[in-house]
């Protein structure tokens, strides 16, 4: 089932996010199960919203590519299964 991820990194400067996003963009686009990525500056940090076909697919990619670039005290992402969606 499609999964929505919210990952807030308090205190992360936009420049740090931009570097990580650029470093992993090609890998993410090709990752099995990847659907969409949105990054926003808020609450003194960065929040990433992503859609994945499954949490397991996200975790396999994230643990290998993003987690090694994050500060050790970065909170864990949150996940929800999508019950309904609509796009234009």
Protein backbone atom coordinates (compact mmCIF):
# COMPACT_ATOMS: atom_id res chain seq x y z
CA UNK A 1 0.00 0.00 0.00
CA UNK A 2 1.27 3.49 -0.84
CA UNK A 3 3.05 5.14 2.08
CA UNK A 4 3.42 8.81 2.99
CA UNK A 5 6.58 9.79 4.85
CA UNK A 6 7.10 12.95 6.90
CA UNK A 7 10.62 13.61 8.13
CA UNK A 8 11.38 16.78 10.06
CA UNK A 9 15.04 17.67 10.67
CA UNK A 10 15.01 20.53 13.21
CA UNK A 11 17.90 22.93 12.86
CA UNK A 12 19.01 21.59 9.47
CA UNK A 13 20.15 24.53 7.34
CA UNK A 14 18.61 24.72 3.87
CA UNK A 15 22.11 24.45 2.37
CA UNK A 16 22.67 21.09 4.09
CA UNK A 17 19.34 19.81 2.75
CA UNK A 18 20.18 21.08 -0.75
CA UNK A 19 23.48 19.16 -0.71
CA UNK A 20 21.92 15.90 0.46
CA UNK A 21 19.02 16.28 -1.99
CA UNK A 22 21.43 16.80 -4.88
CA UNK A 23 23.66 13.90 -3.77
CA UNK A 24 20.78 11.40 -3.69
CA UNK A 25 18.46 12.69 -6.45
CA UNK A 26 19.54 10.31 -9.20
CA UNK A 27 19.51 7.33 -6.86
CA UNK A 28 16.09 8.25 -5.52
CA UNK A 29 14.51 8.69 -8.94
CA UNK A 30 15.69 5.19 -9.84
CA UNK A 31 14.78 3.61 -6.51
CA UNK A 32 12.22 0.83 -6.58
CA UNK A 33 8.95 2.11 -5.12
CA UNK A 34 9.77 5.84 -5.22
CA UNK A 35 6.82 8.05 -6.22
CA UNK A 36 7.43 11.69 -5.19
CA UNK A 37 9.59 13.99 -3.01
CA UNK A 38 8.81 17.43 -1.55
CA UNK A 39 11.15 19.43 0.68
CA UNK A 40 10.12 22.53 2.63
CA UNK A 41 11.78 24.91 5.06
CA UNK A 42 9.73 25.18 8.26
CA UNK A 43 9.96 25.46 12.03
CA UNK A 44 13.68 26.22 11.98
CA UNK A 45 14.59 23.19 9.90
CA UNK A 46 13.62 21.08 6.93
CA UNK A 47 10.60 18.84 6.46
CA UNK A 48 10.58 16.22 3.73
CA UNK A 49 7.34 14.66 2.50
CA UNK A 50 7.63 11.63 0.23
CA UNK A 51 5.38 9.04 -1.33
CA UNK A 52 6.59 5.47 -1.70
CA UNK A 53 4.90 2.29 -2.85
CA UNK A 54 5.86 0.74 0.51
CA UNK A 55 7.72 1.59 3.71
CA UNK A 56 10.09 -1.34 3.15
CA UNK A 57 11.14 0.08 -0.23
CA UNK A 58 11.70 3.48 1.37
CA UNK A 59 13.72 2.02 4.23
CA UNK A 60 16.01 0.01 1.94
CA UNK A 61 16.87 3.12 -0.08
CA UNK A 62 16.95 5.59 2.84
CA UNK A 63 19.18 3.47 5.07
CA UNK A 64 21.74 3.05 2.28
CA UNK A 65 21.79 6.59 0.87
CA UNK A 66 20.37 9.25 3.20
CA UNK A 67 20.85 8.02 6.77
CA UNK A 68 24.68 8.06 6.52
CA UNK A 69 24.53 11.79 5.65
CA UNK A 70 22.27 12.85 8.55
CA UNK A 71 23.37 14.13 11.93
CA UNK A 72 23.16 11.36 14.58
CA UNK A 73 20.46 13.22 16.53
CA UNK A 74 18.09 13.62 13.55
CA UNK A 75 14.63 12.34 14.53
CA UNK A 76 13.25 9.27 12.78
CA UNK A 77 10.72 9.76 9.96
CA UNK A 78 7.02 9.14 10.47
CA UNK A 79 4.92 7.02 8.09
CA UNK A 80 1.25 6.63 7.22
CA UNK A 81 -0.49 4.35 4.74
CA UNK A 82 -2.43 6.32 2.14
CA UNK A 83 -6.11 5.44 2.25
CA UNK A 84 -7.24 7.79 -0.49
CA UNK A 85 -5.56 10.27 -2.84
CA UNK A 86 -6.47 12.53 -5.69
CA UNK A 87 -4.32 14.48 -8.12
CA UNK A 88 -5.13 16.77 -10.98
